[in-house]
Amino acid sequence: MWLDLIVTEQNELNLTYKICLFGDSGVGKTSIVNRYLTNNFLTNIKSTLGAAIHIKYVELDKGKATLQVWDFGGEEKFKFLISSYAQGASGGIFMFDLTNYDSLINVINWHPEFSKVARRVPLILVGGKLDLEQQRICRREDALDIKNLYEFQNYIECSSKTGENVDLIFKDLLIKILSAQGYAQIKLI
């Protein structure tokens, strides 16, 4: 588990966690990260090649947490890099597009590669593009089946375009990471 822990003179925690974000190309991984970091939605985002690393500082009641969000490029040709990028992960987000059933099924392919090197870390399944409800193909029941089968700790649907539930995803995952690390009593501010 990749975790840096620094206790300052005032007994404040300074925690660092690595969060990996996986899913097929075009499901909205970079958009969700951009919305979380900047509260903006960009329409013309290029596909991530390899991985992009983003930093977010989160205030805690007893210090702060630094989230290193690793946005993994979703093209098939990069899957062999998953185990390298996932090394030391504190948590993971597996994302699919609610308007693309194949992207939900492909979560099944992403999960084992990640789990080989990042065992027993909190994982969240995310259905993106909730704003395209009229074009929705993936049923909530199907996503919940995958959540339960692969032991994801939560399933959340979101929209990077509207911002709906984006913060909730990262807050929920951080709370689960803190709890797994023995910091269940720490609260997010």
N, C-alpha and C. Protein backbone atom coordinates (compact mmCIF):
# COMPACT_ATOMS: atom_id res chain seq x y z
N MET A 1 0.84 -1.17 0.00
CA MET A 1 0.00 0.00 0.00
C MET A 1 0.88 1.23 0.00
N TRP A 2 0.60 2.14 -0.90
CA TRP A 2 1.42 3.34 -0.97
C TRP A 2 0.79 4.39 -0.08
N LEU A 3 1.48 4.72 0.98
CA LEU A 3 0.97 5.66 1.96
C LEU A 3 2.13 6.40 2.56
N ASP A 4 2.09 7.69 2.47
CA ASP A 4 3.06 8.52 3.19
C ASP A 4 2.33 9.13 4.37
N LEU A 5 2.94 9.06 5.51
CA LEU A 5 2.35 9.62 6.71
C LEU A 5 3.36 10.53 7.38
N ILE A 6 2.97 11.75 7.54
CA ILE A 6 3.81 12.72 8.23
C ILE A 6 2.96 13.34 9.33
N VAL A 7 3.48 13.40 10.52
CA VAL A 7 2.79 14.07 11.62
C VAL A 7 3.57 15.34 11.93
N THR A 8 2.89 16.47 11.82
CA THR A 8 3.54 17.76 12.04
C THR A 8 3.67 18.03 13.53
N GLU A 9 4.32 19.13 13.85
CA GLU A 9 4.52 19.50 15.25
C GLU A 9 3.19 19.71 15.98
N GLN A 10 2.16 20.11 15.26
CA GLN A 10 0.86 20.33 15.89
C GLN A 10 0.03 19.04 15.91
N ASN A 11 0.67 17.89 15.66
CA ASN A 11 -0.01 16.60 15.62
C ASN A 11 -1.07 16.53 14.53
N GLU A 12 -0.85 17.24 13.44
CA GLU A 12 -1.75 17.16 12.31
C GLU A 12 -1.22 16.12 11.34
N LEU A 13 -2.14 15.34 10.79
CA LEU A 13 -1.75 14.32 9.82
C LEU A 13 -1.55 14.93 8.45
N ASN A 14 -0.61 14.39 7.72
CA ASN A 14 -0.38 14.75 6.34
C ASN A 14 -0.27 13.43 5.58
N LEU A 15 -1.39 12.99 5.00
CA LEU A 15 -1.48 11.68 4.37
C LEU A 15 -1.42 11.82 2.86
N THR A 16 -0.83 10.83 2.20
CA THR A 16 -0.79 10.80 0.74
C THR A 16 -1.31 9.45 0.27
N TYR A 17 -2.27 9.50 -0.66
CA TYR A 17 -2.86 8.28 -1.19
C TYR A 17 -2.84 8.29 -2.71
N LYS A 18 -2.61 7.13 -3.26
CA LYS A 18 -2.62 6.93 -4.71
C LYS A 18 -3.94 6.28 -5.10
N ILE A 19 -4.68 6.96 -5.98
CA ILE A 19 -5.95 6.45 -6.47
C ILE A 19 -5.82 6.20 -7.97
N CYS A 20 -6.14 5.00 -8.40
CA CYS A 20 -6.05 4.64 -9.82
C CYS A 20 -7.45 4.66 -10.43
N LEU A 21 -7.53 5.20 -11.64
CA LEU A 21 -8.79 5.33 -12.36
C LEU A 21 -8.68 4.55 -13.67
N PHE A 22 -9.52 3.52 -13.82
CA PHE A 22 -9.46 2.64 -14.98
C PHE A 22 -10.80 2.59 -15.70
N GLY A 23 -10.75 2.22 -16.96
CA GLY A 23 -11.94 2.03 -17.78
C GLY A 23 -11.58 2.20 -19.24
N ASP A 24 -12.50 1.81 -20.10
CA ASP A 24 -12.26 1.91 -21.54
C ASP A 24 -12.03 3.35 -21.97
N SER A 25 -11.39 3.49 -23.10
CA SER A 25 -11.18 4.80 -23.70
C SER A 25 -12.54 5.44 -24.01
N GLY A 26 -12.68 6.71 -23.68
CA GLY A 26 -13.90 7.44 -24.02
C GLY A 26 -15.03 7.35 -23.00
N VAL A 27 -14.81 6.68 -21.87
CA VAL A 27 -15.90 6.56 -20.88
C VAL A 27 -16.04 7.81 -20.01
N GLY A 28 -15.02 8.68 -20.02
CA GLY A 28 -15.11 9.93 -19.27
C GLY A 28 -14.20 10.03 -18.07
N LYS A 29 -13.15 9.22 -18.05
CA LYS A 29 -12.22 9.24 -16.90
C LYS A 29 -11.56 10.60 -16.74
N THR A 30 -11.01 11.13 -17.81
CA THR A 30 -10.33 12.42 -17.73
C THR A 30 -11.33 13.53 -17.39
N SER A 31 -12.53 13.43 -17.91
CA SER A 31 -13.57 14.43 -17.61
C SER A 31 -13.95 14.42 -16.14
N ILE A 32 -14.05 13.24 -15.55
CA ILE A 32 -14.41 13.17 -14.13
C ILE A 32 -13.30 13.77 -13.27
N VAL A 33 -12.05 13.50 -13.63
CA VAL A 33 -10.93 14.06 -12.88
C VAL A 33 -10.91 15.58 -13.04
N ASN A 34 -11.09 16.05 -14.25
CA ASN A 34 -11.10 17.50 -14.50
C ASN A 34 -12.22 18.18 -13.71
N ARG A 35 -13.40 17.58 -13.70
CA ARG A 35 -14.53 18.15 -12.95
C ARG A 35 -14.21 18.18 -11.45
N TYR A 36 -13.61 17.11 -10.95
CA TYR A 36 -13.27 17.03 -9.52
C TYR A 36 -12.22 18.07 -9.14
N LEU A 37 -11.22 18.25 -9.99
CA LEU A 37 -10.13 19.17 -9.67
C LEU A 37 -10.49 20.64 -9.88
N THR A 38 -11.22 20.93 -10.94
CA THR A 38 -11.45 22.33 -11.33
C THR A 38 -12.91 22.76 -11.29
N ASN A 39 -13.82 21.81 -11.12
CA ASN A 39 -15.26 22.05 -11.18
C ASN A 39 -15.68 22.59 -12.55
N ASN A 40 -14.93 22.23 -13.58
CA ASN A 40 -15.26 22.62 -14.95
C ASN A 40 -15.45 21.38 -15.81
N PHE A 41 -16.19 21.55 -16.92
CA PHE A 41 -16.37 20.48 -17.89
C PHE A 41 -15.82 20.96 -19.23
N LEU A 42 -14.87 20.23 -19.76
CA LEU A 42 -14.29 20.55 -21.06
C LEU A 42 -14.86 19.60 -22.10
N THR A 43 -15.20 20.13 -23.28
CA THR A 43 -15.84 19.29 -24.29
C THR A 43 -14.87 18.58 -25.21
N ASN A 44 -13.71 19.13 -25.43
CA ASN A 44 -12.79 18.49 -26.38
C ASN A 44 -11.51 18.05 -25.67
N ILE A 45 -11.61 16.93 -24.98
CA ILE A 45 -10.47 16.36 -24.26
C ILE A 45 -9.87 15.25 -25.10
N LYS A 46 -8.55 15.24 -25.19
CA LYS A 46 -7.86 14.18 -25.93
C LYS A 46 -7.72 12.94 -25.06
N SER A 47 -7.66 11.79 -25.70
CA SER A 47 -7.47 10.53 -24.98
C SER A 47 -6.13 10.54 -24.26
N THR A 48 -6.13 9.98 -23.06
CA THR A 48 -4.91 9.87 -22.27
C THR A 48 -4.05 8.75 -22.82
N LEU A 49 -2.78 9.03 -23.04
CA LEU A 49 -1.83 8.02 -23.47
C LEU A 49 -1.01 7.60 -22.26
N GLY A 50 -1.00 6.31 -21.95
CA GLY A 50 -0.30 5.86 -20.75
C GLY A 50 -1.09 6.24 -19.53
N ALA A 51 -0.59 7.18 -18.76
CA ALA A 51 -1.31 7.65 -17.56
C ALA A 51 -0.99 9.12 -17.33
N ALA A 52 -1.96 9.82 -16.77
CA ALA A 52 -1.77 11.21 -16.35
C ALA A 52 -1.99 11.24 -14.84
N ILE A 53 -1.13 11.95 -14.14
CA ILE A 53 -1.21 12.01 -12.68
C ILE A 53 -1.65 13.41 -12.27
N HIS A 54 -2.70 13.46 -11.46
CA HIS A 54 -3.27 14.72 -10.99
C HIS A 54 -3.22 14.73 -9.47
N ILE A 55 -3.10 15.92 -8.90
CA ILE A 55 -3.01 16.07 -7.44
C ILE A 55 -4.20 16.87 -6.93
N LYS A 56 -4.77 16.41 -5.82
CA LYS A 56 -5.86 17.13 -5.14
C LYS A 56 -5.58 17.10 -3.65
N TYR A 57 -5.66 18.26 -3.01
CA TYR A 57 -5.47 18.36 -1.56
C TYR A 57 -6.84 18.41 -0.90
N VAL A 58 -7.02 17.58 0.10
CA VAL A 58 -8.30 17.49 0.80
C VAL A 58 -8.07 17.79 2.27
N GLU A 59 -8.85 18.73 2.81
CA GLU A 59 -8.75 19.08 4.22
C GLU A 59 -9.46 18.04 5.08
N LEU A 60 -8.78 17.65 6.13
CA LEU A 60 -9.34 16.72 7.11
C LEU A 60 -9.46 17.44 8.44
N ASP A 61 -10.27 16.90 9.33
CA ASP A 61 -10.40 17.56 10.63
C ASP A 61 -9.12 17.47 11.46
N LYS A 62 -8.21 16.57 11.09
CA LYS A 62 -6.95 16.42 11.82
C LYS A 62 -5.74 16.56 10.91
N GLY A 63 -5.87 17.34 9.85
CA GLY A 63 -4.74 17.52 8.94
C GLY A 63 -5.20 17.62 7.50
N LYS A 64 -4.44 16.98 6.60
CA LYS A 64 -4.81 17.01 5.19
C LYS A 64 -4.40 15.70 4.52
N ALA A 65 -5.06 15.45 3.39
CA ALA A 65 -4.72 14.30 2.57
C ALA A 65 -4.38 14.80 1.18
N THR A 66 -3.33 14.25 0.62
CA THR A 66 -2.97 14.52 -0.77
C THR A 66 -3.39 13.32 -1.59
N LEU A 67 -4.27 13.55 -2.55
CA LEU A 67 -4.71 12.47 -3.43
C LEU A 67 -3.94 12.58 -4.73
N GLN A 68 -3.25 11.52 -5.07
CA GLN A 68 -2.60 11.41 -6.37
C GLN A 68 -3.53 10.56 -7.23
N VAL A 69 -4.22 11.19 -8.16
CA VAL A 69 -5.18 10.50 -9.01
C VAL A 69 -4.49 10.12 -10.31
N TRP A 70 -4.33 8.82 -10.53
CA TRP A 70 -3.68 8.29 -11.73
C TRP A 70 -4.77 7.94 -12.73
N ASP A 71 -4.88 8.74 -13.77
CA ASP A 71 -5.87 8.57 -14.84
C ASP A 71 -5.21 7.71 -15.92
N PHE A 72 -5.62 6.46 -15.99
CA PHE A 72 -5.00 5.48 -16.88
C PHE A 72 -5.67 5.49 -18.24
N GLY A 73 -4.86 5.61 -19.32
CA GLY A 73 -5.39 5.58 -20.68
C GLY A 73 -6.12 4.27 -20.93
N GLY A 74 -7.30 4.34 -21.53
CA GLY A 74 -8.15 3.16 -21.65
C GLY A 74 -8.01 2.34 -22.91
N GLU A 75 -7.02 2.62 -23.71
CA GLU A 75 -6.87 1.85 -24.94
C GLU A 75 -6.32 0.46 -24.64
N GLU A 76 -6.80 -0.50 -25.39
CA GLU A 76 -6.41 -1.91 -25.20
C GLU A 76 -4.90 -2.09 -25.22
N LYS A 77 -4.22 -1.35 -26.07
CA LYS A 77 -2.77 -1.55 -26.21
C LYS A 77 -1.98 -1.15 -24.96
N PHE A 78 -2.62 -0.44 -24.02
CA PHE A 78 -1.93 -0.04 -22.79
C PHE A 78 -2.24 -0.94 -21.59
N LYS A 79 -3.10 -1.94 -21.78
CA LYS A 79 -3.50 -2.78 -20.64
C LYS A 79 -2.33 -3.49 -19.98
N PHE A 80 -1.29 -3.77 -20.75
CA PHE A 80 -0.14 -4.47 -20.17
C PHE A 80 0.57 -3.62 -19.12
N LEU A 81 0.31 -2.32 -19.10
CA LEU A 81 0.94 -1.42 -18.13
C LEU A 81 0.18 -1.33 -16.80
N ILE A 82 -0.99 -1.92 -16.74
CA ILE A 82 -1.83 -1.77 -15.54
C ILE A 82 -1.09 -2.16 -14.28
N SER A 83 -0.45 -3.32 -14.29
CA SER A 83 0.18 -3.79 -13.06
C SER A 83 1.29 -2.85 -12.60
N SER A 84 1.98 -2.22 -13.54
CA SER A 84 3.03 -1.26 -13.16
C SER A 84 2.42 -0.01 -12.54
N TYR A 85 1.38 0.52 -13.17
CA TYR A 85 0.76 1.75 -12.68
C TYR A 85 -0.01 1.53 -11.38
N ALA A 86 -0.56 0.35 -11.20
CA ALA A 86 -1.38 0.07 -10.02
C ALA A 86 -0.56 -0.25 -8.77
N GLN A 87 0.72 -0.48 -8.96
CA GLN A 87 1.58 -0.82 -7.82
C GLN A 87 1.48 0.25 -6.74
N GLY A 88 1.17 -0.15 -5.53
CA GLY A 88 1.10 0.78 -4.42
C GLY A 88 -0.18 1.59 -4.32
N ALA A 89 -1.20 1.21 -5.07
CA ALA A 89 -2.46 1.97 -5.03
C ALA A 89 -3.14 1.83 -3.68
N SER A 90 -3.76 2.91 -3.24
CA SER A 90 -4.53 2.92 -2.00
C SER A 90 -6.01 2.66 -2.26
N GLY A 91 -6.44 2.90 -3.50
CA GLY A 91 -7.84 2.71 -3.88
C GLY A 91 -7.98 2.79 -5.38
N GLY A 92 -9.13 2.36 -5.87
CA GLY A 92 -9.35 2.37 -7.31
C GLY A 92 -10.77 2.74 -7.68
N ILE A 93 -10.88 3.36 -8.85
CA ILE A 93 -12.17 3.69 -9.44
C ILE A 93 -12.19 3.02 -10.81
N PHE A 94 -13.22 2.20 -11.04
CA PHE A 94 -13.41 1.56 -12.34
C PHE A 94 -14.64 2.19 -12.97
N MET A 95 -14.44 2.80 -14.13
CA MET A 95 -15.49 3.61 -14.73
C MET A 95 -15.96 3.01 -16.05
N PHE A 96 -17.26 3.13 -16.29
CA PHE A 96 -17.84 2.75 -17.58
C PHE A 96 -18.82 3.83 -18.00
N ASP A 97 -19.24 3.77 -19.26
CA ASP A 97 -20.14 4.74 -19.87
C ASP A 97 -21.55 4.14 -19.85
N LEU A 98 -22.49 4.81 -19.23
CA LEU A 98 -23.86 4.30 -19.15
C LEU A 98 -24.52 4.13 -20.51
N THR A 99 -23.96 4.74 -21.56
CA THR A 99 -24.52 4.61 -22.91
C THR A 99 -23.77 3.58 -23.74
N ASN A 100 -22.86 2.83 -23.12
CA ASN A 100 -22.03 1.86 -23.85
C ASN A 100 -21.91 0.58 -23.01
N TYR A 101 -22.72 -0.42 -23.37
CA TYR A 101 -22.76 -1.65 -22.58
C TYR A 101 -21.42 -2.38 -22.58
N ASP A 102 -20.71 -2.35 -23.69
CA ASP A 102 -19.40 -3.01 -23.76
C ASP A 102 -18.45 -2.46 -22.70
N SER A 103 -18.53 -1.16 -22.43
CA SER A 103 -17.62 -0.57 -21.43
C SER A 103 -17.91 -1.10 -20.03
N LEU A 104 -19.16 -1.46 -19.75
CA LEU A 104 -19.49 -2.08 -18.47
C LEU A 104 -18.92 -3.50 -18.41
N ILE A 105 -19.12 -4.25 -19.46
CA ILE A 105 -18.59 -5.63 -19.50
C ILE A 105 -17.07 -5.62 -19.41
N ASN A 106 -16.44 -4.64 -20.01
CA ASN A 106 -14.97 -4.59 -20.01
C ASN A 106 -14.38 -4.28 -18.63
N VAL A 107 -15.19 -3.79 -17.70
CA VAL A 107 -14.72 -3.63 -16.32
C VAL A 107 -14.21 -4.97 -15.81
N ILE A 108 -14.86 -6.03 -16.27
CA ILE A 108 -14.46 -7.39 -15.88
C ILE A 108 -13.03 -7.68 -16.32
N ASN A 109 -12.60 -7.09 -17.44
CA ASN A 109 -11.23 -7.29 -17.92
C ASN A 109 -10.22 -6.41 -17.19
N TRP A 110 -10.63 -5.22 -16.79
CA TRP A 110 -9.72 -4.30 -16.09
C TRP A 110 -9.45 -4.76 -14.66
N HIS A 111 -10.47 -5.25 -14.00
CA HIS A 111 -10.40 -5.57 -12.57
C HIS A 111 -9.31 -6.59 -12.21
N PRO A 112 -9.20 -7.74 -12.87
CA PRO A 112 -8.20 -8.73 -12.45
C PRO A 112 -6.76 -8.22 -12.56
N GLU A 113 -6.47 -7.44 -13.58
CA GLU A 113 -5.12 -6.91 -13.75
C GLU A 113 -4.74 -6.00 -12.59
N PHE A 114 -5.68 -5.16 -12.19
CA PHE A 114 -5.45 -4.26 -11.06
C PHE A 114 -5.31 -5.05 -9.76
N SER A 115 -6.19 -6.01 -9.57
CA SER A 115 -6.23 -6.77 -8.32
C SER A 115 -5.00 -7.65 -8.10
N LYS A 116 -4.28 -7.95 -9.16
CA LYS A 116 -3.05 -8.74 -9.01
C LYS A 116 -2.02 -8.02 -8.14
N VAL A 117 -1.96 -6.71 -8.26
CA VAL A 117 -0.93 -5.94 -7.54
C VAL A 117 -1.50 -5.06 -6.43
N ALA A 118 -2.79 -4.81 -6.45
CA ALA A 118 -3.41 -3.94 -5.43
C ALA A 118 -4.55 -4.72 -4.78
N ARG A 119 -4.19 -5.58 -3.88
CA ARG A 119 -5.19 -6.42 -3.20
C ARG A 119 -5.74 -5.71 -1.98
N ARG A 120 -7.00 -5.97 -1.73
CA ARG A 120 -7.67 -5.49 -0.51
C ARG A 120 -7.64 -3.97 -0.36
N VAL A 121 -7.76 -3.27 -1.46
CA VAL A 121 -7.91 -1.81 -1.38
C VAL A 121 -9.34 -1.47 -1.76
N PRO A 122 -9.88 -0.38 -1.23
CA PRO A 122 -11.24 0.01 -1.57
C PRO A 122 -11.38 0.31 -3.07
N LEU A 123 -12.46 -0.21 -3.65
CA LEU A 123 -12.74 -0.01 -5.07
C LEU A 123 -14.18 0.48 -5.23
N ILE A 124 -14.35 1.40 -6.17
CA ILE A 124 -15.69 1.92 -6.47
C ILE A 124 -15.94 1.75 -7.96
N LEU A 125 -17.13 1.27 -8.29
CA LEU A 125 -17.58 1.16 -9.68
C LEU A 125 -18.38 2.42 -10.00
N VAL A 126 -18.06 3.06 -11.13
CA VAL A 126 -18.70 4.33 -11.49
C VAL A 126 -19.29 4.24 -12.89
N GLY A 127 -20.56 4.59 -13.00
CA GLY A 127 -21.22 4.72 -14.29
C GLY A 127 -21.27 6.20 -14.66
N GLY A 128 -20.61 6.56 -15.74
CA GLY A 128 -20.52 7.95 -16.16
C GLY A 128 -21.51 8.32 -17.25
N LYS A 129 -21.61 9.61 -17.50
CA LYS A 129 -22.48 10.21 -18.52
C LYS A 129 -23.96 10.07 -18.14
N LEU A 130 -24.24 10.25 -16.87
CA LEU A 130 -25.61 10.19 -16.36
C LEU A 130 -26.50 11.25 -17.01
N ASP A 131 -25.90 12.32 -17.49
CA ASP A 131 -26.67 13.38 -18.16
C ASP A 131 -27.27 12.90 -19.49
N LEU A 132 -26.79 11.77 -20.01
CA LEU A 132 -27.31 11.22 -21.26
C LEU A 132 -28.33 10.11 -20.97
N GLU A 133 -29.19 10.34 -20.00
CA GLU A 133 -30.17 9.35 -19.54
C GLU A 133 -31.03 8.81 -20.69
N GLN A 134 -31.37 9.66 -21.65
CA GLN A 134 -32.20 9.22 -22.78
C GLN A 134 -31.49 8.19 -23.66
N GLN A 135 -30.15 8.20 -23.63
CA GLN A 135 -29.36 7.27 -24.45
C GLN A 135 -28.82 6.10 -23.62
N ARG A 136 -29.24 6.03 -22.40
CA ARG A 136 -28.74 5.00 -21.47
C ARG A 136 -29.04 3.60 -22.00
N ILE A 137 -28.00 2.74 -21.91
CA ILE A 137 -28.13 1.34 -22.30
C ILE A 137 -27.89 0.43 -21.10
N CYS A 138 -26.98 0.80 -20.23
CA CYS A 138 -26.61 -0.03 -19.07
C CYS A 138 -27.65 0.11 -17.96
N ARG A 139 -28.21 -1.02 -17.59
CA ARG A 139 -29.18 -1.02 -16.49
C ARG A 139 -28.44 -0.97 -15.15
N ARG A 140 -29.03 -0.28 -14.20
CA ARG A 140 -28.45 -0.20 -12.86
C ARG A 140 -28.27 -1.60 -12.26
N GLU A 141 -29.22 -2.48 -12.51
CA GLU A 141 -29.16 -3.85 -11.99
C GLU A 141 -27.93 -4.59 -12.50
N ASP A 142 -27.58 -4.39 -13.78
CA ASP A 142 -26.39 -5.05 -14.34
C ASP A 142 -25.12 -4.53 -13.68
N ALA A 143 -25.07 -3.23 -13.46
CA ALA A 143 -23.90 -2.64 -12.80
C ALA A 143 -23.79 -3.15 -11.36
N LEU A 144 -24.92 -3.25 -10.68
CA LEU A 144 -24.90 -3.76 -9.30
C LEU A 144 -24.47 -5.22 -9.25
N ASP A 145 -24.84 -5.99 -10.27
CA ASP A 145 -24.38 -7.39 -10.34
C ASP A 145 -22.86 -7.45 -10.42
N ILE A 146 -22.26 -6.61 -11.27
CA ILE A 146 -20.80 -6.57 -11.39
C ILE A 146 -20.18 -6.05 -10.09
N LYS A 147 -20.78 -5.04 -9.51
CA LYS A 147 -20.29 -4.51 -8.22
C LYS A 147 -20.20 -5.62 -7.19
N ASN A 148 -21.26 -6.40 -7.07
CA ASN A 148 -21.30 -7.46 -6.07
C ASN A 148 -20.38 -8.62 -6.41
N LEU A 149 -20.35 -9.00 -7.67
CA LEU A 149 -19.52 -10.13 -8.10
C LEU A 149 -18.04 -9.86 -7.89
N TYR A 150 -17.61 -8.63 -8.17
CA TYR A 150 -16.19 -8.28 -8.07
C TYR A 150 -15.86 -7.52 -6.79
N GLU A 151 -16.81 -7.47 -5.87
CA GLU A 151 -16.61 -6.92 -4.53
C GLU A 151 -16.17 -5.46 -4.50
N PHE A 152 -16.79 -4.66 -5.38
CA PHE A 152 -16.61 -3.21 -5.28
C PHE A 152 -17.34 -2.75 -4.03
N GLN A 153 -16.79 -1.74 -3.34
CA GLN A 153 -17.42 -1.27 -2.11
C GLN A 153 -18.62 -0.37 -2.35
N ASN A 154 -18.72 0.18 -3.57
CA ASN A 154 -19.86 1.05 -3.86
C ASN A 154 -20.04 1.13 -5.37
N TYR A 155 -21.25 1.53 -5.77
CA TYR A 155 -21.54 1.84 -7.17
C TYR A 155 -22.21 3.21 -7.18
N ILE A 156 -21.65 4.12 -7.97
CA ILE A 156 -22.17 5.49 -8.06
C ILE A 156 -22.29 5.88 -9.53
N GLU A 157 -23.40 6.50 -9.88
CA GLU A 157 -23.58 7.04 -11.22
C GLU A 157 -23.33 8.55 -11.15
N CYS A 158 -22.70 9.08 -12.20
CA CYS A 158 -22.34 10.50 -12.16
C CYS A 158 -22.41 11.13 -13.55
N SER A 159 -22.30 12.43 -13.55
CA SER A 159 -22.18 13.20 -14.79
C SER A 159 -21.07 14.23 -14.62
N SER A 160 -20.04 14.09 -15.42
CA SER A 160 -18.98 15.10 -15.41
C SER A 160 -19.49 16.41 -16.00
N LYS A 161 -20.45 16.31 -16.92
CA LYS A 161 -20.98 17.51 -17.56
C LYS A 161 -21.73 18.39 -16.56
N THR A 162 -22.60 17.79 -15.75
CA THR A 162 -23.37 18.57 -14.77
C THR A 162 -22.68 18.64 -13.41
N GLY A 163 -21.76 17.73 -13.17
CA GLY A 163 -21.08 17.66 -11.88
C GLY A 163 -21.77 16.74 -10.88
N GLU A 164 -22.92 16.19 -11.26
CA GLU A 164 -23.69 15.35 -10.34
C GLU A 164 -22.88 14.16 -9.84
N ASN A 165 -22.74 14.07 -8.54
CA ASN A 165 -22.10 12.95 -7.82
C ASN A 165 -20.59 12.83 -8.02
N VAL A 166 -19.96 13.73 -8.73
CA VAL A 166 -18.52 13.61 -8.96
C VAL A 166 -17.75 13.74 -7.64
N ASP A 167 -18.02 14.77 -6.87
CA ASP A 167 -17.34 14.92 -5.57
C ASP A 167 -17.64 13.73 -4.66
N LEU A 168 -18.87 13.24 -4.72
CA LEU A 168 -19.28 12.11 -3.89
C LEU A 168 -18.38 10.89 -4.13
N ILE A 169 -18.02 10.64 -5.37
CA ILE A 169 -17.18 9.48 -5.70
C ILE A 169 -15.86 9.56 -4.94
N PHE A 170 -15.19 10.69 -5.06
CA PHE A 170 -13.87 10.83 -4.44
C PHE A 170 -13.97 10.91 -2.91
N LYS A 171 -15.01 11.56 -2.40
CA LYS A 171 -15.20 11.62 -0.94
C LYS A 171 -15.45 10.22 -0.39
N ASP A 172 -16.32 9.49 -1.05
CA ASP A 172 -16.66 8.14 -0.59
C ASP A 172 -15.42 7.24 -0.61
N LEU A 173 -14.66 7.32 -1.69
CA LEU A 173 -13.46 6.49 -1.78
C LEU A 173 -12.44 6.89 -0.71
N LEU A 174 -12.25 8.19 -0.48
CA LEU A 174 -11.29 8.62 0.54
C LEU A 174 -11.73 8.16 1.93
N ILE A 175 -13.01 8.24 2.22
CA ILE A 175 -13.50 7.75 3.52
C ILE A 175 -13.21 6.26 3.67
N LYS A 176 -13.41 5.50 2.61
CA LYS A 176 -13.14 4.06 2.66
C LYS A 176 -11.64 3.78 2.80
N ILE A 177 -10.81 4.57 2.14
CA ILE A 177 -9.35 4.42 2.27
C ILE A 177 -8.92 4.74 3.70
N LEU A 178 -9.40 5.86 4.23
CA LEU A 178 -9.06 6.24 5.60
C LEU A 178 -9.45 5.13 6.58
N SER A 179 -10.63 4.59 6.40
CA SER A 179 -11.09 3.52 7.28
C SER A 179 -10.21 2.28 7.16
N ALA A 180 -9.85 1.92 5.92
CA ALA A 180 -8.99 0.75 5.69
C ALA A 180 -7.60 0.94 6.29
N GLN A 181 -7.16 2.20 6.40
CA GLN A 181 -5.84 2.50 6.95
C GLN A 181 -5.87 2.73 8.46
N GLY A 182 -7.04 2.54 9.07
CA GLY A 182 -7.13 2.71 10.52
C GLY A 182 -7.46 4.13 10.96
N TYR A 183 -7.95 4.96 10.04
CA TYR A 183 -8.28 6.35 10.36
C TYR A 183 -9.78 6.61 10.24
N ALA A 184 -10.60 5.65 10.63
CA ALA A 184 -12.05 5.79 10.48
C ALA A 184 -12.61 6.99 11.23
N GLN A 185 -11.94 7.42 12.28
CA GLN A 185 -12.43 8.54 13.09
C GLN A 185 -12.18 9.90 12.43
N ILE A 186 -11.33 9.94 11.41
CA ILE A 186 -11.01 11.22 10.75
C ILE A 186 -12.14 11.61 9.80
N LYS A 187 -12.49 12.87 9.82
CA LYS A 187 -13.58 13.39 8.99
C LYS A 187 -13.03 14.34 7.92
N LEU A 188 -13.70 14.34 6.77
CA LEU A 188 -13.38 15.29 5.71
C LEU A 188 -14.06 16.61 6.03
N ILE A 189 -13.35 17.70 5.72
CA ILE A 189 -13.93 19.03 5.96
C ILE A 189 -14.52 19.55 4.67
